[in-house]
């Protein structure tokens, strides 16, 4: 089964020790069969001079990583077909040794997850017809 966007269940919160309140309507992008998941999103406030980037938590077979990814070009209008989602640069991976996984493998799987994540990691109801591009 490939990555899908779904609501995090209370059972998953308990089983995976996730930092979510039960019943709090949290979403993630998950490949349950391979035991991979991604959650997170935009971070920073341009009004305060902060760079806008995305901060994600990513887990491969129980190994938890954190990633920073800068935004590339995104479509401004939801009605554009296809909607463009651009990821510009992988800023960092923590831990730097990728938890013992090959870095290129981690990046390839993260890209798979981001294609499913789409615009917002939820239903993507407004942008079902989308193209995801990577600068890394």
N, C-alpha and C. Protein backbone atom coordinates (compact mmCIF):
# COMPACT_ATOMS: atom_id res chain seq x y z
N UNK A 1 0.85 -1.19 0.00
CA UNK A 1 0.00 0.00 0.00
C UNK A 1 0.89 1.24 0.00
N UNK A 2 0.63 2.21 -0.86
CA UNK A 2 1.45 3.42 -0.90
C UNK A 2 1.07 4.39 0.22
N UNK A 3 1.78 5.52 0.25
CA UNK A 3 1.45 6.56 1.23
C UNK A 3 0.05 7.10 0.98
N UNK A 4 -0.66 7.33 2.07
CA UNK A 4 -1.98 7.97 2.03
C UNK A 4 -2.05 8.98 3.16
N UNK A 5 -2.87 9.99 2.96
CA UNK A 5 -3.13 10.97 4.01
C UNK A 5 -4.33 10.47 4.79
N UNK A 6 -4.18 10.40 6.10
CA UNK A 6 -5.27 9.91 6.94
C UNK A 6 -5.21 10.56 8.31
N UNK A 7 -6.34 10.48 8.98
CA UNK A 7 -6.41 11.00 10.34
C UNK A 7 -5.70 10.02 11.27
N UNK A 8 -4.93 10.55 12.20
CA UNK A 8 -4.21 9.72 13.16
C UNK A 8 -5.21 9.17 14.17
N UNK A 9 -5.19 7.86 14.36
CA UNK A 9 -6.12 7.24 15.31
C UNK A 9 -5.57 7.33 16.73
N UNK A 10 -6.46 7.24 17.69
CA UNK A 10 -6.03 7.20 19.09
C UNK A 10 -5.14 6.00 19.36
N UNK A 11 -5.43 4.88 18.70
CA UNK A 11 -4.61 3.67 18.88
C UNK A 11 -3.18 3.92 18.38
N UNK A 12 -3.05 4.64 17.24
CA UNK A 12 -1.72 4.95 16.72
C UNK A 12 -0.98 5.92 17.63
N UNK A 13 -1.70 6.86 18.21
CA UNK A 13 -1.08 7.81 19.15
C UNK A 13 -0.45 7.04 20.31
N UNK A 14 -1.19 6.06 20.83
CA UNK A 14 -0.67 5.25 21.93
C UNK A 14 0.47 4.34 21.48
N UNK A 15 0.26 3.62 20.40
CA UNK A 15 1.23 2.61 19.96
C UNK A 15 2.56 3.23 19.53
N UNK A 16 2.52 4.41 18.91
CA UNK A 16 3.73 5.02 18.37
C UNK A 16 4.25 6.18 19.21
N UNK A 17 3.60 6.40 20.36
CA UNK A 17 4.00 7.47 21.28
C UNK A 17 4.09 8.81 20.54
N UNK A 18 3.01 9.14 19.82
CA UNK A 18 2.97 10.39 19.06
C UNK A 18 2.58 11.55 19.97
N UNK A 19 3.09 12.75 19.67
CA UNK A 19 2.83 13.91 20.54
C UNK A 19 1.51 14.62 20.23
N UNK A 20 0.44 13.85 20.04
CA UNK A 20 -0.86 14.42 19.73
C UNK A 20 -1.83 14.11 20.86
N UNK A 21 -2.78 15.00 21.06
CA UNK A 21 -3.87 14.73 21.98
C UNK A 21 -4.87 13.82 21.27
N UNK A 22 -5.39 12.86 22.00
CA UNK A 22 -6.40 11.97 21.39
C UNK A 22 -7.63 12.78 21.00
N UNK A 23 -8.20 12.42 19.84
CA UNK A 23 -9.40 13.09 19.35
C UNK A 23 -9.15 14.50 18.86
N UNK A 24 -7.90 14.86 18.58
CA UNK A 24 -7.54 16.23 18.22
C UNK A 24 -7.49 16.49 16.71
N UNK A 25 -7.99 15.55 15.91
CA UNK A 25 -8.10 15.73 14.45
C UNK A 25 -6.74 15.99 13.80
N UNK A 26 -5.73 15.22 14.17
CA UNK A 26 -4.41 15.32 13.55
C UNK A 26 -4.34 14.42 12.33
N UNK A 27 -3.54 14.84 11.35
CA UNK A 27 -3.38 14.09 10.10
C UNK A 27 -1.91 13.77 9.89
N UNK A 28 -1.68 12.70 9.15
CA UNK A 28 -0.34 12.33 8.77
C UNK A 28 -0.40 11.68 7.40
N UNK A 29 0.77 11.49 6.82
CA UNK A 29 0.90 10.79 5.55
C UNK A 29 1.62 9.50 5.89
N UNK A 30 0.94 8.37 5.62
CA UNK A 30 1.41 7.10 6.17
C UNK A 30 1.43 6.00 5.13
N UNK A 31 2.46 5.18 5.20
CA UNK A 31 2.53 3.92 4.47
C UNK A 31 2.54 2.85 5.55
N UNK A 32 1.36 2.37 5.88
CA UNK A 32 1.22 1.44 7.00
C UNK A 32 1.94 0.12 6.73
N UNK A 33 1.89 -0.34 5.50
CA UNK A 33 2.50 -1.62 5.14
C UNK A 33 4.01 -1.61 5.37
N UNK A 34 4.66 -0.51 5.01
CA UNK A 34 6.12 -0.41 5.17
C UNK A 34 6.53 0.20 6.51
N UNK A 35 5.56 0.63 7.32
CA UNK A 35 5.81 1.23 8.62
C UNK A 35 6.60 2.54 8.49
N UNK A 36 6.10 3.45 7.62
CA UNK A 36 6.67 4.77 7.42
C UNK A 36 5.58 5.80 7.66
N UNK A 37 5.93 6.94 8.24
CA UNK A 37 4.97 8.03 8.31
C UNK A 37 5.68 9.38 8.31
N UNK A 38 4.92 10.41 7.90
CA UNK A 38 5.40 11.78 7.82
C UNK A 38 4.31 12.67 8.38
N UNK A 39 4.67 13.62 9.21
CA UNK A 39 3.73 14.65 9.63
C UNK A 39 4.48 15.94 9.88
N UNK A 40 3.77 17.02 9.77
CA UNK A 40 4.37 18.34 9.98
C UNK A 40 3.81 19.33 8.98
N UNK A 41 4.55 20.38 8.72
CA UNK A 41 4.11 21.39 7.78
C UNK A 41 4.90 22.67 7.91
N UNK A 42 4.29 23.75 7.46
CA UNK A 42 4.97 25.04 7.39
C UNK A 42 5.32 25.57 8.76
N UNK A 43 6.46 26.28 8.79
CA UNK A 43 6.98 26.84 10.02
C UNK A 43 7.57 28.21 9.70
N UNK A 44 7.54 29.12 10.65
CA UNK A 44 8.10 30.44 10.46
C UNK A 44 7.03 31.47 10.18
N UNK A 45 7.37 32.73 10.42
CA UNK A 45 6.42 33.83 10.23
C UNK A 45 7.14 34.95 9.48
N UNK A 46 6.74 35.16 8.23
CA UNK A 46 7.40 36.19 7.41
C UNK A 46 7.16 37.59 7.97
N UNK A 47 6.07 37.80 8.70
CA UNK A 47 5.80 39.11 9.30
C UNK A 47 6.87 39.47 10.32
N UNK A 48 7.53 38.49 10.90
CA UNK A 48 8.60 38.72 11.88
C UNK A 48 9.98 38.53 11.25
N UNK A 49 10.03 38.48 9.93
CA UNK A 49 11.30 38.34 9.23
C UNK A 49 11.85 36.92 9.21
N UNK A 50 11.03 35.97 9.62
CA UNK A 50 11.48 34.57 9.63
C UNK A 50 11.30 33.94 8.26
N UNK A 51 12.21 33.06 7.90
CA UNK A 51 12.06 32.30 6.67
C UNK A 51 10.93 31.29 6.84
N UNK A 52 10.17 31.11 5.78
CA UNK A 52 9.12 30.09 5.78
C UNK A 52 9.71 28.83 5.20
N UNK A 53 9.65 27.77 5.94
CA UNK A 53 10.08 26.46 5.45
C UNK A 53 9.16 25.43 6.09
N UNK A 54 9.33 24.21 5.73
CA UNK A 54 8.52 23.16 6.32
C UNK A 54 9.39 22.29 7.20
N UNK A 55 8.82 21.95 8.32
CA UNK A 55 9.49 21.08 9.29
C UNK A 55 8.64 19.81 9.38
N UNK A 56 9.29 18.68 9.12
CA UNK A 56 8.57 17.41 9.13
C UNK A 56 9.21 16.43 10.10
N UNK A 57 8.37 15.58 10.64
CA UNK A 57 8.80 14.42 11.42
C UNK A 57 8.56 13.24 10.50
N UNK A 58 9.55 12.39 10.38
CA UNK A 58 9.48 11.25 9.46
C UNK A 58 9.98 10.02 10.19
N UNK A 59 9.27 8.93 10.05
CA UNK A 59 9.66 7.69 10.71
C UNK A 59 9.75 6.57 9.69
N UNK A 60 10.88 5.87 9.74
CA UNK A 60 11.09 4.67 8.91
C UNK A 60 11.34 3.51 9.86
N UNK A 61 10.42 2.56 9.88
CA UNK A 61 10.59 1.36 10.69
C UNK A 61 10.92 1.69 12.14
N UNK A 62 10.27 2.74 12.67
CA UNK A 62 10.47 3.13 14.06
C UNK A 62 11.62 4.08 14.30
N UNK A 63 12.46 4.33 13.29
CA UNK A 63 13.55 5.30 13.43
C UNK A 63 13.00 6.68 13.09
N UNK A 64 13.04 7.58 14.05
CA UNK A 64 12.45 8.91 13.88
C UNK A 64 13.49 9.92 13.45
N UNK A 65 13.15 10.65 12.40
CA UNK A 65 14.01 11.69 11.84
C UNK A 65 13.23 13.00 11.79
N UNK A 66 13.94 14.10 11.77
CA UNK A 66 13.34 15.40 11.54
C UNK A 66 13.99 16.01 10.31
N UNK A 67 13.17 16.72 9.52
CA UNK A 67 13.65 17.29 8.27
C UNK A 67 13.20 18.73 8.14
N UNK A 68 14.05 19.54 7.52
CA UNK A 68 13.67 20.88 7.13
C UNK A 68 13.73 20.96 5.62
N UNK A 69 12.67 21.48 5.00
CA UNK A 69 12.61 21.57 3.54
C UNK A 69 12.10 22.96 3.17
N UNK A 70 12.82 23.64 2.28
CA UNK A 70 12.39 24.96 1.84
C UNK A 70 11.35 24.82 0.73
N UNK A 71 10.47 25.80 0.69
CA UNK A 71 9.41 25.81 -0.32
C UNK A 71 9.94 26.30 -1.65
N UNK A 72 9.46 25.69 -2.70
CA UNK A 72 9.73 26.17 -4.04
C UNK A 72 8.52 26.93 -4.53
N UNK A 73 8.25 26.87 -5.82
CA UNK A 73 7.09 27.56 -6.40
C UNK A 73 5.82 26.73 -6.20
N UNK A 74 4.78 27.37 -5.69
CA UNK A 74 3.47 26.74 -5.54
C UNK A 74 2.46 27.56 -6.32
N UNK A 75 1.46 26.91 -6.88
CA UNK A 75 0.38 27.64 -7.54
C UNK A 75 -0.31 28.54 -6.52
N UNK A 76 -0.70 29.71 -6.95
CA UNK A 76 -1.37 30.67 -6.06
C UNK A 76 -2.88 30.44 -6.00
N UNK A 77 -3.41 29.77 -7.02
CA UNK A 77 -4.86 29.61 -7.15
C UNK A 77 -5.21 28.13 -7.14
N UNK A 78 -6.14 27.73 -6.29
CA UNK A 78 -6.55 26.32 -6.20
C UNK A 78 -7.19 25.81 -7.48
N UNK A 79 -7.66 26.71 -8.30
CA UNK A 79 -8.38 26.30 -9.51
C UNK A 79 -7.46 25.98 -10.68
N UNK A 80 -6.17 26.25 -10.53
CA UNK A 80 -5.20 25.94 -11.58
C UNK A 80 -5.08 24.42 -11.71
N UNK A 81 -5.11 23.94 -12.94
CA UNK A 81 -4.98 22.51 -13.18
C UNK A 81 -3.80 22.27 -14.11
N UNK A 82 -2.82 21.51 -13.75
CA UNK A 82 -2.65 20.92 -12.43
C UNK A 82 -2.10 21.96 -11.45
N UNK A 83 -2.40 21.75 -10.19
CA UNK A 83 -1.88 22.59 -9.11
C UNK A 83 -0.42 22.20 -8.91
N UNK A 84 0.46 23.18 -8.77
CA UNK A 84 1.89 22.92 -8.63
C UNK A 84 2.31 23.05 -7.17
N UNK A 85 2.99 22.02 -6.68
CA UNK A 85 3.59 22.02 -5.35
C UNK A 85 5.09 21.85 -5.56
N UNK A 86 5.87 22.82 -5.10
CA UNK A 86 7.30 22.76 -5.29
C UNK A 86 8.06 22.71 -3.99
N UNK A 87 8.96 21.76 -3.89
CA UNK A 87 9.87 21.63 -2.74
C UNK A 87 11.25 21.94 -3.26
N UNK A 88 11.86 22.99 -2.73
CA UNK A 88 13.09 23.52 -3.29
C UNK A 88 14.34 22.80 -2.82
N UNK A 89 14.56 22.79 -1.51
CA UNK A 89 15.84 22.30 -1.01
C UNK A 89 15.65 21.57 0.31
N UNK A 90 16.34 20.46 0.46
CA UNK A 90 16.40 19.77 1.75
C UNK A 90 17.41 20.53 2.59
N UNK A 91 16.94 21.17 3.65
CA UNK A 91 17.80 22.03 4.47
C UNK A 91 18.60 21.23 5.49
N UNK A 92 17.97 20.23 6.10
CA UNK A 92 18.66 19.42 7.10
C UNK A 92 17.87 18.15 7.38
N UNK A 93 18.60 17.17 7.86
CA UNK A 93 18.04 15.93 8.39
C UNK A 93 18.69 15.72 9.75
N UNK A 94 17.88 15.43 10.74
CA UNK A 94 18.39 15.17 12.08
C UNK A 94 17.85 13.83 12.56
N UNK A 95 18.69 12.90 12.95
CA UNK A 95 20.13 13.01 13.04
C UNK A 95 20.78 12.97 11.65
N UNK A 96 21.96 13.54 11.57
CA UNK A 96 22.66 13.65 10.28
C UNK A 96 22.99 12.30 9.66
N UNK A 97 23.12 11.26 10.48
CA UNK A 97 23.43 9.93 9.93
C UNK A 97 22.18 9.18 9.49
N UNK A 98 21.03 9.89 9.49
CA UNK A 98 19.73 9.32 9.05
C UNK A 98 19.36 8.08 9.85
N UNK A 99 19.78 8.03 11.10
CA UNK A 99 19.42 6.90 11.96
C UNK A 99 19.97 5.58 11.47
N UNK A 100 21.05 5.63 10.68
CA UNK A 100 21.65 4.41 10.15
C UNK A 100 21.16 4.03 8.76
N UNK A 101 20.14 4.69 8.26
CA UNK A 101 19.65 4.42 6.90
C UNK A 101 20.51 5.18 5.89
N UNK A 102 20.57 4.66 4.68
CA UNK A 102 21.25 5.34 3.59
C UNK A 102 20.53 6.67 3.30
N UNK A 103 21.27 7.75 3.24
CA UNK A 103 20.69 9.08 3.04
C UNK A 103 19.86 9.16 1.76
N UNK A 104 20.35 8.60 0.68
CA UNK A 104 19.62 8.66 -0.59
C UNK A 104 18.31 7.87 -0.51
N UNK A 105 18.30 6.77 0.23
CA UNK A 105 17.06 6.02 0.44
C UNK A 105 16.06 6.85 1.23
N UNK A 106 16.51 7.49 2.29
CA UNK A 106 15.62 8.35 3.09
C UNK A 106 15.02 9.44 2.22
N UNK A 107 15.84 10.11 1.43
CA UNK A 107 15.36 11.18 0.56
C UNK A 107 14.34 10.65 -0.45
N UNK A 108 14.59 9.51 -1.03
CA UNK A 108 13.66 8.93 -2.01
C UNK A 108 12.31 8.62 -1.36
N UNK A 109 12.33 8.08 -0.16
CA UNK A 109 11.06 7.73 0.52
C UNK A 109 10.35 9.01 0.97
N UNK A 110 11.09 10.00 1.43
CA UNK A 110 10.47 11.28 1.81
C UNK A 110 9.79 11.90 0.59
N UNK A 111 10.41 11.83 -0.56
CA UNK A 111 9.78 12.36 -1.78
C UNK A 111 8.48 11.63 -2.09
N UNK A 112 8.47 10.31 -1.94
CA UNK A 112 7.23 9.54 -2.12
C UNK A 112 6.14 10.07 -1.20
N UNK A 113 6.52 10.28 0.07
CA UNK A 113 5.55 10.77 1.05
C UNK A 113 5.05 12.16 0.68
N UNK A 114 5.94 13.04 0.22
CA UNK A 114 5.54 14.40 -0.12
C UNK A 114 4.63 14.46 -1.35
N UNK A 115 4.78 13.52 -2.26
CA UNK A 115 3.85 13.45 -3.40
C UNK A 115 2.44 13.18 -2.89
N UNK A 116 2.30 12.27 -1.94
CA UNK A 116 0.99 11.99 -1.35
C UNK A 116 0.53 13.15 -0.47
N UNK A 117 1.47 13.75 0.28
CA UNK A 117 1.16 14.88 1.17
C UNK A 117 0.50 16.00 0.38
N UNK A 118 1.00 16.24 -0.81
CA UNK A 118 0.40 17.25 -1.68
C UNK A 118 0.50 18.64 -1.11
N UNK A 119 -0.62 19.34 -1.06
CA UNK A 119 -0.66 20.72 -0.60
C UNK A 119 -0.66 20.82 0.91
N UNK A 120 -1.35 19.88 1.58
CA UNK A 120 -1.56 20.08 3.02
C UNK A 120 -1.57 18.81 3.86
N UNK A 121 -1.35 17.66 3.26
CA UNK A 121 -1.31 16.43 4.06
C UNK A 121 -2.67 15.97 4.55
N UNK A 122 -3.71 16.53 4.02
CA UNK A 122 -5.07 16.09 4.38
C UNK A 122 -5.72 15.50 3.14
N UNK A 123 -6.95 15.87 2.91
CA UNK A 123 -7.68 15.31 1.76
C UNK A 123 -7.23 15.90 0.43
N UNK A 124 -6.63 17.09 0.44
CA UNK A 124 -6.28 17.78 -0.79
C UNK A 124 -7.49 17.92 -1.71
N UNK A 125 -8.65 18.18 -1.11
CA UNK A 125 -9.89 18.27 -1.88
C UNK A 125 -9.84 19.35 -2.94
N UNK A 126 -9.17 20.45 -2.65
CA UNK A 126 -9.12 21.55 -3.61
C UNK A 126 -8.03 21.38 -4.65
N UNK A 127 -7.13 20.43 -4.43
CA UNK A 127 -6.00 20.25 -5.36
C UNK A 127 -5.76 18.78 -5.69
N UNK A 128 -6.81 18.05 -6.12
CA UNK A 128 -6.59 16.63 -6.41
C UNK A 128 -5.73 16.41 -7.66
N UNK A 129 -5.79 17.35 -8.59
CA UNK A 129 -4.99 17.28 -9.82
C UNK A 129 -3.75 18.14 -9.59
N UNK A 130 -2.66 17.50 -9.14
CA UNK A 130 -1.47 18.26 -8.77
C UNK A 130 -0.20 17.62 -9.30
N UNK A 131 0.80 18.45 -9.42
CA UNK A 131 2.14 18.00 -9.80
C UNK A 131 3.07 18.44 -8.68
N UNK A 132 3.87 17.50 -8.18
CA UNK A 132 4.82 17.79 -7.12
C UNK A 132 6.22 17.75 -7.72
N UNK A 133 6.97 18.84 -7.53
CA UNK A 133 8.32 18.95 -8.09
C UNK A 133 9.33 19.12 -6.96
N UNK A 134 10.55 18.63 -7.21
CA UNK A 134 11.61 18.69 -6.22
C UNK A 134 12.85 19.35 -6.82
N UNK A 135 13.50 20.17 -6.00
CA UNK A 135 14.77 20.77 -6.38
C UNK A 135 15.94 20.04 -5.71
N UNK A 136 15.63 18.92 -5.06
CA UNK A 136 16.70 18.16 -4.40
C UNK A 136 16.59 16.70 -4.76
